[in-house]
């Protein structure tokens, strides 16, 4: 899967991942390969990326929106700490 994390100011991250866990409005959820298409709002919290080698990278966001479609993920964060 490919993910792009952007804020109104700049692109924070772009790359291939195995999974991502995000803080959804109704609780955190994970996106894996071939996930159904979804658009969801996000709360303040941790975005945890797992790369193809199993290494985790964590970003703290201040809310936003995520779109998942055809193994392409776009995460629009209000801000990243």
PDB file of N, CA and C in Angstrom:
ATOM      1  N   UNK A   1       0.842  -1.182   0.000  1.00  0.00           N
ATOM      2  CA  UNK A   1       0.000   0.000   0.000  1.00  0.00           C
ATOM      3  C   UNK A   1       0.881   1.236   0.000  1.00  0.00           C
ATOM      4  N   UNK A   2       0.326   2.299  -0.451  1.00  0.00           N
ATOM      5  CA  UNK A   2       1.039   3.578  -0.487  1.00  0.00           C
ATOM      6  C   UNK A   2       0.268   4.576   0.366  1.00  0.00           C
ATOM      7  N   UNK A   3       0.988   5.358   1.183  1.00  0.00           N
ATOM      8  CA  UNK A   3       0.330   6.379   2.010  1.00  0.00           C
ATOM      9  C   UNK A   3       0.992   7.723   1.790  1.00  0.00           C
ATOM     10  N   UNK A   4       0.170   8.742   1.866  1.00  0.00           N
ATOM     11  CA  UNK A   4       0.645  10.128   1.819  1.00  0.00           C
ATOM     12  C   UNK A   4       0.005  10.849   3.004  1.00  0.00           C
ATOM     13  N   UNK A   5       0.841  11.459   3.848  1.00  0.00           N
ATOM     14  CA  UNK A   5       0.350  12.236   4.991  1.00  0.00           C
ATOM     15  C   UNK A   5       0.686  13.695   4.727  1.00  0.00           C
ATOM     16  N   UNK A   6      -0.353  14.528   4.686  1.00  0.00           N
ATOM     17  CA  UNK A   6      -0.150  15.947   4.384  1.00  0.00           C
ATOM     18  C   UNK A   6      -0.891  16.817   5.392  1.00  0.00           C
ATOM     19  N   UNK A   7      -0.362  18.019   5.587  1.00  0.00           N
ATOM     20  CA  UNK A   7      -1.020  19.049   6.380  1.00  0.00           C
ATOM     21  C   UNK A   7      -1.330  20.201   5.425  1.00  0.00           C
ATOM     22  N   UNK A   8      -2.038  21.229   5.883  1.00  0.00           N
ATOM     23  CA  UNK A   8      -2.273  22.373   4.995  1.00  0.00           C
ATOM     24  C   UNK A   8      -0.968  23.039   4.527  1.00  0.00           C
ATOM     25  N   UNK A   9       0.129  22.852   5.277  1.00  0.00           N
ATOM     26  CA  UNK A   9       1.389  23.509   4.953  1.00  0.00           C
ATOM     27  C   UNK A   9       2.340  22.695   4.095  1.00  0.00           C
ATOM     28  N   UNK A  10       2.375  21.363   4.305  1.00  0.00           N
ATOM     29  CA  UNK A  10       3.396  20.565   3.606  1.00  0.00           C
ATOM     30  C   UNK A  10       3.091  19.077   3.646  1.00  0.00           C
ATOM     31  N   UNK A  11       3.819  18.333   2.829  1.00  0.00           N
ATOM     32  CA  UNK A  11       3.753  16.872   2.848  1.00  0.00           C
ATOM     33  C   UNK A  11       4.663  16.384   3.964  1.00  0.00           C
ATOM     34  N   UNK A  12       4.121  15.557   4.858  1.00  0.00           N
ATOM     35  CA  UNK A  12       4.857  15.062   6.015  1.00  0.00           C
ATOM     36  C   UNK A  12       5.548  13.739   5.703  1.00  0.00           C
ATOM     37  N   UNK A  13       4.860  12.863   4.967  1.00  0.00           N
ATOM     38  CA  UNK A  13       5.400  11.529   4.691  1.00  0.00           C
ATOM     39  C   UNK A  13       4.750  10.976   3.443  1.00  0.00           C
ATOM     40  N   UNK A  14       5.526  10.220   2.668  1.00  0.00           N
ATOM     41  CA  UNK A  14       4.981   9.463   1.548  1.00  0.00           C
ATOM     42  C   UNK A  14       5.809   8.204   1.409  1.00  0.00           C
ATOM     43  N   UNK A  15       5.149   7.068   1.292  1.00  0.00           N
ATOM     44  CA  UNK A  15       5.900   5.825   1.133  1.00  0.00           C
ATOM     45  C   UNK A  15       5.022   4.596   1.168  1.00  0.00           C
ATOM     46  N   UNK A  16       5.667   3.438   1.008  1.00  0.00           N
ATOM     47  CA  UNK A  16       4.978   2.150   1.039  1.00  0.00           C
ATOM     48  C   UNK A  16       4.904   1.645   2.476  1.00  0.00           C
ATOM     49  N   UNK A  17       3.748   1.090   2.837  1.00  0.00           N
ATOM     50  CA  UNK A  17       3.544   0.563   4.182  1.00  0.00           C
ATOM     51  C   UNK A  17       2.831  -0.783   4.115  1.00  0.00           C
ATOM     52  N   UNK A  18       2.907  -1.509   5.242  1.00  0.00           N
ATOM     53  CA  UNK A  18       2.179  -2.769   5.384  1.00  0.00           C
ATOM     54  C   UNK A  18       0.832  -2.529   6.062  1.00  0.00           C
ATOM     55  N   UNK A  19       0.812  -1.567   7.016  1.00  0.00           N
ATOM     56  CA  UNK A  19      -0.438  -1.236   7.705  1.00  0.00           C
ATOM     57  C   UNK A  19      -0.336   0.152   8.327  1.00  0.00           C
ATOM     58  N   UNK A  20      -1.507   0.696   8.680  1.00  0.00           N
ATOM     59  CA  UNK A  20      -1.557   1.965   9.401  1.00  0.00           C
ATOM     60  C   UNK A  20      -2.700   1.890  10.398  1.00  0.00           C
ATOM     61  N   UNK A  21      -2.462   2.400  11.616  1.00  0.00           N
ATOM     62  CA  UNK A  21      -3.501   2.513  12.643  1.00  0.00           C
ATOM     63  C   UNK A  21      -3.735   4.000  12.882  1.00  0.00           C
ATOM     64  N   UNK A  22      -5.019   4.400  12.846  1.00  0.00           N
ATOM     65  CA  UNK A  22      -5.373   5.813  12.976  1.00  0.00           C
ATOM     66  C   UNK A  22      -6.434   6.007  14.058  1.00  0.00           C
ATOM     67  N   UNK A  23      -6.485   7.219  14.645  1.00  0.00           N
ATOM     68  CA  UNK A  23      -7.475   7.518  15.688  1.00  0.00           C
ATOM     69  C   UNK A  23      -8.797   8.015  15.083  1.00  0.00           C
ATOM     70  N   UNK A  24      -9.704   7.103  14.773  1.00  0.00           N
ATOM     71  CA  UNK A  24     -11.003   7.476  14.209  1.00  0.00           C
ATOM     72  C   UNK A  24     -11.903   8.131  15.240  1.00  0.00           C
ATOM     73  N   UNK A  25     -12.942   8.800  14.786  1.00  0.00           N
ATOM     74  CA  UNK A  25     -13.893   9.471  15.691  1.00  0.00           C
ATOM     75  C   UNK A  25     -14.568   8.495  16.641  1.00  0.00           C
ATOM     76  N   UNK A  26     -14.784   7.248  16.187  1.00  0.00           N
ATOM     77  CA  UNK A  26     -15.456   6.247  17.028  1.00  0.00           C
ATOM     78  C   UNK A  26     -14.481   5.185  17.522  1.00  0.00           C
ATOM     79  N   UNK A  27     -13.215   5.540  17.589  1.00  0.00           N
ATOM     80  CA  UNK A  27     -12.197   4.606  18.054  1.00  0.00           C
ATOM     81  C   UNK A  27     -11.144   4.374  16.980  1.00  0.00           C
ATOM     82  N   UNK A  28      -9.995   3.900  17.415  1.00  0.00           N
ATOM     83  CA  UNK A  28      -8.912   3.706  16.448  1.00  0.00           C
ATOM     84  C   UNK A  28      -9.222   2.498  15.568  1.00  0.00           C
ATOM     85  N   UNK A  29      -8.694   2.522  14.337  1.00  0.00           N
ATOM     86  CA  UNK A  29      -8.856   1.393  13.431  1.00  0.00           C
ATOM     87  C   UNK A  29      -7.611   1.237  12.578  1.00  0.00           C
ATOM     88  N   UNK A  30      -7.470   0.027  12.034  1.00  0.00           N
ATOM     89  CA  UNK A  30      -6.291  -0.308  11.251  1.00  0.00           C
ATOM     90  C   UNK A  30      -6.690  -0.529   9.799  1.00  0.00           C
ATOM     91  N   UNK A  31      -5.799  -0.121   8.896  1.00  0.00           N
ATOM     92  CA  UNK A  31      -5.999  -0.341   7.469  1.00  0.00           C
ATOM     93  C   UNK A  31      -4.895  -1.271   6.987  1.00  0.00           C
ATOM     94  N   UNK A  32      -5.307  -2.373   6.357  1.00  0.00           N
ATOM     95  CA  UNK A  32      -4.385  -3.337   5.773  1.00  0.00           C
ATOM     96  C   UNK A  32      -4.601  -3.380   4.259  1.00  0.00           C
ATOM     97  N   UNK A  33      -3.744  -4.115   3.564  1.00  0.00           N
ATOM     98  CA  UNK A  33      -3.837  -4.237   2.108  1.00  0.00           C
ATOM     99  C   UNK A  33      -5.232  -4.711   1.697  1.00  0.00           C
ATOM    100  N   UNK A  34      -5.732  -4.150   0.603  1.00  0.00           N
ATOM    101  CA  UNK A  34      -7.042  -4.482   0.028  1.00  0.00           C
ATOM    102  C   UNK A  34      -8.215  -4.108   0.935  1.00  0.00           C
ATOM    103  N   UNK A  35      -8.033  -3.107   1.797  1.00  0.00           N
ATOM    104  CA  UNK A  35      -9.122  -2.602   2.645  1.00  0.00           C
ATOM    105  C   UNK A  35     -10.217  -2.021   1.752  1.00  0.00           C
ATOM    106  N   UNK A  36     -11.443  -2.159   2.186  1.00  0.00           N
ATOM    107  CA  UNK A  36     -12.565  -1.561   1.462  1.00  0.00           C
ATOM    108  C   UNK A  36     -12.394  -0.045   1.402  1.00  0.00           C
ATOM    109  N   UNK A  37     -12.884   0.589   0.340  1.00  0.00           N
ATOM    110  CA  UNK A  37     -12.798   2.052   0.264  1.00  0.00           C
ATOM    111  C   UNK A  37     -13.516   2.692   1.456  1.00  0.00           C
ATOM    112  N   UNK A  38     -12.897   3.744   1.997  1.00  0.00           N
ATOM    113  CA  UNK A  38     -13.464   4.405   3.175  1.00  0.00           C
ATOM    114  C   UNK A  38     -12.980   5.848   3.224  1.00  0.00           C
ATOM    115  N   UNK A  39     -13.832   6.710   3.755  1.00  0.00           N
ATOM    116  CA  UNK A  39     -13.447   8.079   4.109  1.00  0.00           C
ATOM    117  C   UNK A  39     -13.901   8.250   5.559  1.00  0.00           C
ATOM    118  N   UNK A  40     -12.999   8.711   6.426  1.00  0.00           N
ATOM    119  CA  UNK A  40     -13.332   8.843   7.844  1.00  0.00           C
ATOM    120  C   UNK A  40     -12.670  10.074   8.432  1.00  0.00           C
ATOM    121  N   UNK A  41     -13.346  10.693   9.386  1.00  0.00           N
ATOM    122  CA  UNK A  41     -12.733  11.793  10.126  1.00  0.00           C
ATOM    123  C   UNK A  41     -11.864  11.206  11.234  1.00  0.00           C
ATOM    124  N   UNK A  42     -10.851  11.962  11.627  1.00  0.00           N
ATOM    125  CA  UNK A  42      -9.898  11.504  12.630  1.00  0.00           C
ATOM    126  C   UNK A  42      -9.855  12.451  13.820  1.00  0.00           C
ATOM    127  N   UNK A  43      -9.577  11.892  14.983  1.00  0.00           N
ATOM    128  CA  UNK A  43      -9.407  12.640  16.221  1.00  0.00           C
ATOM    129  C   UNK A  43      -7.923  12.943  16.437  1.00  0.00           C
ATOM    130  N   UNK A  44      -7.628  13.728  17.454  1.00  0.00           N
ATOM    131  CA  UNK A  44      -6.251  13.919  17.889  1.00  0.00           C
ATOM    132  C   UNK A  44      -5.735  12.591  18.434  1.00  0.00           C
ATOM    133  N   UNK A  45      -4.525  12.212  18.021  1.00  0.00           N
ATOM    134  CA  UNK A  45      -3.954  10.966  18.503  1.00  0.00           C
ATOM    135  C   UNK A  45      -2.796  10.495  17.646  1.00  0.00           C
ATOM    136  N   UNK A  46      -2.461   9.215  17.811  1.00  0.00           N
ATOM    137  CA  UNK A  46      -1.296   8.636  17.136  1.00  0.00           C
ATOM    138  C   UNK A  46      -1.676   7.942  15.839  1.00  0.00           C
ATOM    139  N   UNK A  47      -0.874   8.193  14.813  1.00  0.00           N
ATOM    140  CA  UNK A  47      -0.939   7.456  13.552  1.00  0.00           C
ATOM    141  C   UNK A  47       0.289   6.553  13.558  1.00  0.00           C
ATOM    142  N   UNK A  48       0.058   5.250  13.500  1.00  0.00           N
ATOM    143  CA  UNK A  48       1.163   4.284  13.568  1.00  0.00           C
ATOM    144  C   UNK A  48       1.306   3.585  12.231  1.00  0.00           C
ATOM    145  N   UNK A  49       2.415   3.860  11.560  1.00  0.00           N
ATOM    146  CA  UNK A  49       2.714   3.219  10.275  1.00  0.00           C
ATOM    147  C   UNK A  49       3.618   2.026  10.518  1.00  0.00           C
ATOM    148  N   UNK A  50       3.381   0.936   9.807  1.00  0.00           N
ATOM    149  CA  UNK A  50       4.278  -0.217   9.833  1.00  0.00           C
ATOM    150  C   UNK A  50       4.763  -0.417   8.405  1.00  0.00           C
ATOM    151  N   UNK A  51       6.089  -0.298   8.213  1.00  0.00           N
ATOM    152  CA  UNK A  51       6.641  -0.440   6.860  1.00  0.00           C
ATOM    153  C   UNK A  51       6.742  -1.915   6.480  1.00  0.00           C
ATOM    154  N   UNK A  52       7.060  -2.216   5.210  1.00  0.00           N
ATOM    155  CA  UNK A  52       7.124  -3.614   4.763  1.00  0.00           C
ATOM    156  C   UNK A  52       8.099  -4.482   5.562  1.00  0.00           C
ATOM    157  N   UNK A  53       9.093  -3.877   6.234  1.00  0.00           N
ATOM    158  CA  UNK A  53      10.051  -4.632   7.044  1.00  0.00           C
ATOM    159  C   UNK A  53       9.588  -4.796   8.502  1.00  0.00           C
ATOM    160  N   UNK A  54       8.427  -4.217   8.854  1.00  0.00           N
ATOM    161  CA  UNK A  54       7.896  -4.341  10.211  1.00  0.00           C
ATOM    162  C   UNK A  54       8.278  -3.208  11.148  1.00  0.00           C
ATOM    163  N   UNK A  55       9.007  -2.205  10.663  1.00  0.00           N
ATOM    164  CA  UNK A  55       9.419  -1.064  11.495  1.00  0.00           C
ATOM    165  C   UNK A  55       8.256  -0.086  11.658  1.00  0.00           C
ATOM    166  N   UNK A  56       8.026   0.362  12.899  1.00  0.00           N
ATOM    167  CA  UNK A  56       6.950   1.310  13.185  1.00  0.00           C
ATOM    168  C   UNK A  56       7.458   2.747  13.163  1.00  0.00           C
ATOM    169  N   UNK A  57       6.633   3.626  12.606  1.00  0.00           N
ATOM    170  CA  UNK A  57       6.861   5.066  12.659  1.00  0.00           C
ATOM    171  C   UNK A  57       5.576   5.685  13.195  1.00  0.00           C
ATOM    172  N   UNK A  58       5.707   6.580  14.170  1.00  0.00           N
ATOM    173  CA  UNK A  58       4.530   7.165  14.810  1.00  0.00           C
ATOM    174  C   UNK A  58       4.504   8.677  14.584  1.00  0.00           C
ATOM    175  N   UNK A  59       3.338   9.167  14.176  1.00  0.00           N
ATOM    176  CA  UNK A  59       3.089  10.603  14.031  1.00  0.00           C
ATOM    177  C   UNK A  59       1.933  10.959  14.955  1.00  0.00           C
ATOM    178  N   UNK A  60       2.026  12.083  15.641  1.00  0.00           N
ATOM    179  CA  UNK A  60       0.933  12.585  16.473  1.00  0.00           C
ATOM    180  C   UNK A  60       0.182  13.643  15.664  1.00  0.00           C
ATOM    181  N   UNK A  61      -1.105  13.419  15.429  1.00  0.00           N
ATOM    182  CA  UNK A  61      -1.889  14.367  14.631  1.00  0.00           C
ATOM    183  C   UNK A  61      -2.907  15.078  15.507  1.00  0.00           C
ATOM    184  N   UNK A  62      -3.376  16.208  15.015  1.00  0.00           N
ATOM    185  CA  UNK A  62      -4.408  17.006  15.694  1.00  0.00           C
ATOM    186  C   UNK A  62      -5.686  16.962  14.864  1.00  0.00           C
ATOM    187  N   UNK A  63      -6.192  15.767  14.601  1.00  0.00           N
ATOM    188  CA  UNK A  63      -7.420  15.608  13.825  1.00  0.00           C
ATOM    189  C   UNK A  63      -7.151  15.644  12.332  1.00  0.00           C
ATOM    190  N   UNK A  64      -8.174  15.263  11.562  1.00  0.00           N
ATOM    191  CA  UNK A  64      -8.038  15.272  10.114  1.00  0.00           C
ATOM    192  C   UNK A  64      -9.016  14.329   9.453  1.00  0.00           C
ATOM    193  N   UNK A  65      -8.655  13.902   8.235  1.00  0.00           N
ATOM    194  CA  UNK A  65      -9.497  13.025   7.417  1.00  0.00           C
ATOM    195  C   UNK A  65      -8.599  12.007   6.745  1.00  0.00           C
ATOM    196  N   UNK A  66      -9.101  10.763   6.606  1.00  0.00           N
ATOM    197  CA  UNK A  66      -8.367   9.728   5.885  1.00  0.00           C
ATOM    198  C   UNK A  66      -9.253   9.194   4.763  1.00  0.00           C
ATOM    199  N   UNK A  67      -8.630   8.957   3.608  1.00  0.00           N
ATOM    200  CA  UNK A  67      -9.315   8.323   2.482  1.00  0.00           C
ATOM    201  C   UNK A  67      -8.508   7.101   2.075  1.00  0.00           C
ATOM    202  N   UNK A  68      -9.184   5.968   1.941  1.00  0.00           N
ATOM    203  CA  UNK A  68      -8.552   4.725   1.506  1.00  0.00           C
ATOM    204  C   UNK A  68      -9.268   4.275   0.245  1.00  0.00           C
ATOM    205  N   UNK A  69      -8.502   4.022  -0.813  1.00  0.00           N
ATOM    206  CA  UNK A  69      -9.102   3.577  -2.069  1.00  0.00           C
ATOM    207  C   UNK A  69      -8.038   2.877  -2.895  1.00  0.00           C
ATOM    208  N   UNK A  70      -8.276   1.620  -3.254  1.00  0.00           N
ATOM    209  CA  UNK A  70      -7.395   0.841  -4.138  1.00  0.00           C
ATOM    210  C   UNK A  70      -5.946   0.820  -3.633  1.00  0.00           C
ATOM    211  N   UNK A  71      -5.769   0.525  -2.342  1.00  0.00           N
ATOM    212  CA  UNK A  71      -4.441   0.437  -1.709  1.00  0.00           C
ATOM    213  C   UNK A  71      -3.652   1.742  -1.750  1.00  0.00           C
ATOM    214  N   UNK A  72      -4.357   2.871  -1.893  1.00  0.00           N
ATOM    215  CA  UNK A  72      -3.750   4.205  -1.812  1.00  0.00           C
ATOM    216  C   UNK A  72      -4.442   4.929  -0.669  1.00  0.00           C
ATOM    217  N   UNK A  73      -3.647   5.444   0.256  1.00  0.00           N
ATOM    218  CA  UNK A  73      -4.186   6.120   1.439  1.00  0.00           C
ATOM    219  C   UNK A  73      -3.731   7.560   1.443  1.00  0.00           C
ATOM    220  N   UNK A  74      -4.671   8.469   1.606  1.00  0.00           N
ATOM    221  CA  UNK A  74      -4.345   9.878   1.767  1.00  0.00           C
ATOM    222  C   UNK A  74      -4.860  10.309   3.136  1.00  0.00           C
ATOM    223  N   UNK A  75      -3.959  10.801   3.977  1.00  0.00           N
ATOM    224  CA  UNK A  75      -4.324  11.272   5.305  1.00  0.00           C
ATOM    225  C   UNK A  75      -4.065  12.781   5.338  1.00  0.00           C
ATOM    226  N   UNK A  76      -5.146  13.536   5.481  1.00  0.00           N
ATOM    227  CA  UNK A  76      -5.056  14.999   5.570  1.00  0.00           C
ATOM    228  C   UNK A  76      -5.167  15.374   7.041  1.00  0.00           C
ATOM    229  N   UNK A  77      -4.051  15.746   7.644  1.00  0.00           N
ATOM    230  CA  UNK A  77      -4.026  16.077   9.068  1.00  0.00           C
ATOM    231  C   UNK A  77      -4.125  17.583   9.259  1.00  0.00           C
ATOM    232  N   UNK A  78      -4.880  18.008  10.287  1.00  0.00           N
ATOM    233  CA  UNK A  78      -4.940  19.433  10.605  1.00  0.00           C
ATOM    234  C   UNK A  78      -3.546  19.941  10.967  1.00  0.00           C
ATOM    235  N   UNK A  79      -2.811  19.149  11.761  1.00  0.00           N
ATOM    236  CA  UNK A  79      -1.405  19.432  12.058  1.00  0.00           C
ATOM    237  C   UNK A  79      -0.758  18.158  12.584  1.00  0.00           C
ATOM    238  N   UNK A  80       0.555  18.114  12.496  1.00  0.00           N
ATOM    239  CA  UNK A  80       1.331  16.970  12.987  1.00  0.00           C
ATOM    240  C   UNK A  80       2.339  17.486  13.992  1.00  0.00           C
ATOM    241  N   UNK A  81       2.369  16.866  15.188  1.00  0.00           N
ATOM    242  CA  UNK A  81       3.320  17.256  16.218  1.00  0.00           C
ATOM    243  C   UNK A  81       4.538  16.368  16.153  1.00  0.00           C
TER     244      UNK A  81
END
